Amino acid sequence: MNINVNVTVNITEGVASFSYSPDGPYIVSENCDVVFTLSDCSPAVTFEKPLISYVPVDTPKDITATLSNANQTLTLSDTDADVETIGVQLVVKDNYSNAYASPDPQIINRK
């Protein structure tokens, strides 16, 4: 199973706004990839490795992040081994190497 999410990032005066289609949180109940793809961004940006937090904090770290397609696609692979809420901050970089972190779309594991 895959969850495909289009991500649009607009940067105005140094402030980034992120929008998602479909909007989260993303509910995972089986082994799954959540695939984020950049779309219609102004200015052009690329993904960097995301910031990931787990609740509860002692949950095994079972998410792997893979960048592809010239860093236009970020795939988060979830083994769904645990019941947890995962906070993900997407990180993008502009042509001047400025980095921007998103608000926290959530991935919720339910066995």
C-alpha atoms as a PDB file:
ATOM      1  CA  MET A   1       0.000   0.000   0.000  1.00  0.00           C
ATOM      2  CA  ASN A   2       1.178   3.536  -0.779  1.00  0.00           C
ATOM      3  CA  ILE A   3      -0.135   6.898   0.340  1.00  0.00           C
ATOM      4  CA  ASN A   4       0.737   9.518  -2.293  1.00  0.00           C
ATOM      5  CA  VAL A   5       0.886  13.146  -1.183  1.00  0.00           C
ATOM      6  CA  ASN A   6       1.533  16.173  -3.406  1.00  0.00           C
ATOM      7  CA  VAL A   7       3.403  18.910  -1.550  1.00  0.00           C
ATOM      8  CA  THR A   8       3.348  22.548  -2.641  1.00  0.00           C
ATOM      9  CA  VAL A   9       5.795  24.975  -1.046  1.00  0.00           C
ATOM     10  CA  ASN A  10       5.609  28.721  -1.536  1.00  0.00           C
ATOM     11  CA  ILE A  11       8.303  30.972  -0.085  1.00  0.00           C
ATOM     12  CA  THR A  12       7.537  34.656   0.329  1.00  0.00           C
ATOM     13  CA  GLU A  13       9.933  37.049   2.054  1.00  0.00           C
ATOM     14  CA  GLY A  14      11.795  34.169   3.681  1.00  0.00           C
ATOM     15  CA  VAL A  15       8.670  32.446   5.043  1.00  0.00           C
ATOM     16  CA  ALA A  16       7.662  29.052   3.650  1.00  0.00           C
ATOM     17  CA  SER A  17       4.100  27.793   3.511  1.00  0.00           C
ATOM     18  CA  PHE A  18       3.438  24.110   2.893  1.00  0.00           C
ATOM     19  CA  SER A  19       0.218  22.595   1.581  1.00  0.00           C
ATOM     20  CA  TYR A  20      -0.598  18.929   1.088  1.00  0.00           C
ATOM     21  CA  SER A  21      -3.012  17.061  -1.150  1.00  0.00           C
ATOM     22  CA  PRO A  22      -4.512  15.068   0.401  1.00  0.00           C
ATOM     23  CA  ASP A  23      -4.125  16.778   3.756  1.00  0.00           C
ATOM     24  CA  GLY A  24      -2.969  14.701   6.790  1.00  0.00           C
ATOM     25  CA  PRO A  25      -2.836  13.083   9.233  1.00  0.00           C
ATOM     26  CA  TYR A  26      -2.064   9.896   7.316  1.00  0.00           C
ATOM     27  CA  ILE A  27      -3.368   6.712   8.922  1.00  0.00           C
ATOM     28  CA  VAL A  28      -1.287   3.565   8.389  1.00  0.00           C
ATOM     29  CA  SER A  29      -2.617   0.146   9.350  1.00  0.00           C
ATOM     30  CA  GLU A  30      -0.223  -2.055   7.376  1.00  0.00           C
ATOM     31  CA  ASN A  31       3.304  -1.996   5.948  1.00  0.00           C
ATOM     32  CA  CYS A  32       3.198   1.159   3.843  1.00  0.00           C
ATOM     33  CA  ASP A  33       5.131   3.830   1.944  1.00  0.00           C
ATOM     34  CA  VAL A  34       4.099   7.457   2.288  1.00  0.00           C
ATOM     35  CA  VAL A  35       5.344   9.169  -0.876  1.00  0.00           C
ATOM     36  CA  PHE A  36       5.673  12.978  -0.816  1.00  0.00           C
ATOM     37  CA  THR A  37       6.178  14.645  -4.217  1.00  0.00           C
ATOM     38  CA  LEU A  38       6.943  18.335  -4.712  1.00  0.00           C
ATOM     39  CA  SER A  39       4.503  20.064  -7.064  1.00  0.00           C
ATOM     40  CA  ASP A  40       4.094  23.679  -8.277  1.00  0.00           C
ATOM     41  CA  CYS A  41       6.614  25.146  -5.811  1.00  0.00           C
ATOM     42  CA  SER A  42       7.612  28.806  -5.976  1.00  0.00           C
ATOM     43  CA  PRO A  43      10.558  29.198  -6.039  1.00  0.00           C
ATOM     44  CA  ALA A  44      11.895  25.771  -7.016  1.00  0.00           C
ATOM     45  CA  VAL A  45      12.926  23.674  -4.012  1.00  0.00           C
ATOM     46  CA  THR A  46      14.259  20.181  -3.321  1.00  0.00           C
ATOM     47  CA  PHE A  47      13.685  17.815  -0.413  1.00  0.00           C
ATOM     48  CA  GLU A  48      16.314  17.189   2.252  1.00  0.00           C
ATOM     49  CA  LYS A  49      16.136  14.392   4.851  1.00  0.00           C
ATOM     50  CA  PRO A  50      13.092  14.986   7.105  1.00  0.00           C
ATOM     51  CA  LEU A  51      13.012  15.507  10.861  1.00  0.00           C
ATOM     52  CA  ILE A  52      11.170  12.586  12.493  1.00  0.00           C
ATOM     53  CA  SER A  53       9.875  12.282  16.057  1.00  0.00           C
ATOM     54  CA  TYR A  54       8.053   9.355  17.651  1.00  0.00           C
ATOM     55  CA  VAL A  55       5.333   9.267  20.331  1.00  0.00           C
ATOM     56  CA  PRO A  56       5.878   7.497  22.650  1.00  0.00           C
ATOM     57  CA  VAL A  57       9.544   8.514  22.529  1.00  0.00           C
ATOM     58  CA  ASP A  58      10.806   5.013  23.378  1.00  0.00           C
ATOM     59  CA  THR A  59       9.103   3.499  20.326  1.00  0.00           C
ATOM     60  CA  PRO A  60      11.481   1.607  18.006  1.00  0.00           C
ATOM     61  CA  LYS A  61      12.524   3.761  15.054  1.00  0.00           C
ATOM     62  CA  ASP A  62      10.878   1.912  12.153  1.00  0.00           C
ATOM     63  CA  ILE A  63      10.628   4.680   9.523  1.00  0.00           C
ATOM     64  CA  THR A  64      13.192   4.952   6.740  1.00  0.00           C
ATOM     65  CA  ALA A  65      13.453   7.988   4.449  1.00  0.00           C
ATOM     66  CA  THR A  66      14.589   7.781   0.826  1.00  0.00           C
ATOM     67  CA  LEU A  67      15.099  10.713  -1.570  1.00  0.00           C
ATOM     68  CA  SER A  68      14.677  10.171  -5.336  1.00  0.00           C
ATOM     69  CA  ASN A  69      13.819  11.901  -8.596  1.00  0.00           C
ATOM     70  CA  ALA A  70      16.464  14.656  -8.156  1.00  0.00           C
ATOM     71  CA  ASN A  71      15.205  15.145  -4.554  1.00  0.00           C
ATOM     72  CA  GLN A  72      11.687  15.952  -5.785  1.00  0.00           C
ATOM     73  CA  THR A  73      10.292  12.814  -4.108  1.00  0.00           C
ATOM     74  CA  LEU A  74      10.604  11.710  -0.488  1.00  0.00           C
ATOM     75  CA  THR A  75       9.464   8.195   0.416  1.00  0.00           C
ATOM     76  CA  LEU A  76       8.901   7.268   4.043  1.00  0.00           C
ATOM     77  CA  SER A  77       8.731   3.509   4.477  1.00  0.00           C
ATOM     78  CA  ASP A  78       6.879   2.345   7.565  1.00  0.00           C
ATOM     79  CA  THR A  79       7.011  -1.261   8.730  1.00  0.00           C
ATOM     80  CA  ASP A  80       3.916  -0.626  10.907  1.00  0.00           C
ATOM     81  CA  ALA A  81       5.560  -2.726  13.595  1.00  0.00           C
ATOM     82  CA  ASP A  82       4.292  -0.493  16.426  1.00  0.00           C
ATOM     83  CA  VAL A  83       1.272   1.549  17.415  1.00  0.00           C
ATOM     84  CA  GLU A  84       2.608   5.097  17.420  1.00  0.00           C
ATOM     85  CA  THR A  85       2.179   8.650  16.234  1.00  0.00           C
ATOM     86  CA  ILE A  86       5.057   9.881  14.111  1.00  0.00           C
ATOM     87  CA  GLY A  87       5.712  13.585  13.676  1.00  0.00           C
ATOM     88  CA  VAL A  88       7.393  14.391  10.380  1.00  0.00           C
ATOM     89  CA  GLN A  89       8.774  17.781   9.472  1.00  0.00           C
ATOM     90  CA  LEU A  90       9.522  17.926   5.782  1.00  0.00           C
ATOM     91  CA  VAL A  91      12.657  19.907   5.009  1.00  0.00           C
ATOM     92  CA  VAL A  92      13.195  21.672   1.687  1.00  0.00           C
ATOM     93  CA  LYS A  93      16.094  23.705   0.365  1.00  0.00           C
ATOM     94  CA  ASP A  94      15.952  26.550  -2.167  1.00  0.00           C
ATOM     95  CA  ASN A  95      18.536  27.409  -4.847  1.00  0.00           C
ATOM     96  CA  TYR A  96      20.437  29.574  -2.320  1.00  0.00           C
ATOM     97  CA  SER A  97      20.799  26.646   0.145  1.00  0.00           C
ATOM     98  CA  ASN A  98      18.278  28.134   2.583  1.00  0.00           C
ATOM     99  CA  ALA A  99      16.458  25.331   4.424  1.00  0.00           C
ATOM    100  CA  TYR A 100      12.800  25.435   5.481  1.00  0.00           C
ATOM    101  CA  ALA A 101      10.981  22.940   7.736  1.00  0.00           C
ATOM    102  CA  SER A 102       7.274  22.245   7.432  1.00  0.00           C
ATOM    103  CA  PRO A 103       4.687  22.136  10.144  1.00  0.00           C
ATOM    104  CA  ASP A 104       4.274  18.603  11.324  1.00  0.00           C
ATOM    105  CA  PRO A 105       2.137  16.294   9.134  1.00  0.00           C
ATOM    106  CA  GLN A 106       1.438  13.228  11.246  1.00  0.00           C
ATOM    107  CA  ILE A 107       1.588   9.570  10.374  1.00  0.00           C
ATOM    108  CA  ILE A 108      -0.468   7.463  12.770  1.00  0.00           C
ATOM    109  CA  ASN A 109       0.163   3.719  13.017  1.00  0.00           C
ATOM    110  CA  ARG A 110      -2.790   1.553  13.976  1.00  0.00           C
ATOM    111  CA  LYS A 111      -2.376  -2.189  14.026  1.00  0.00           C
END
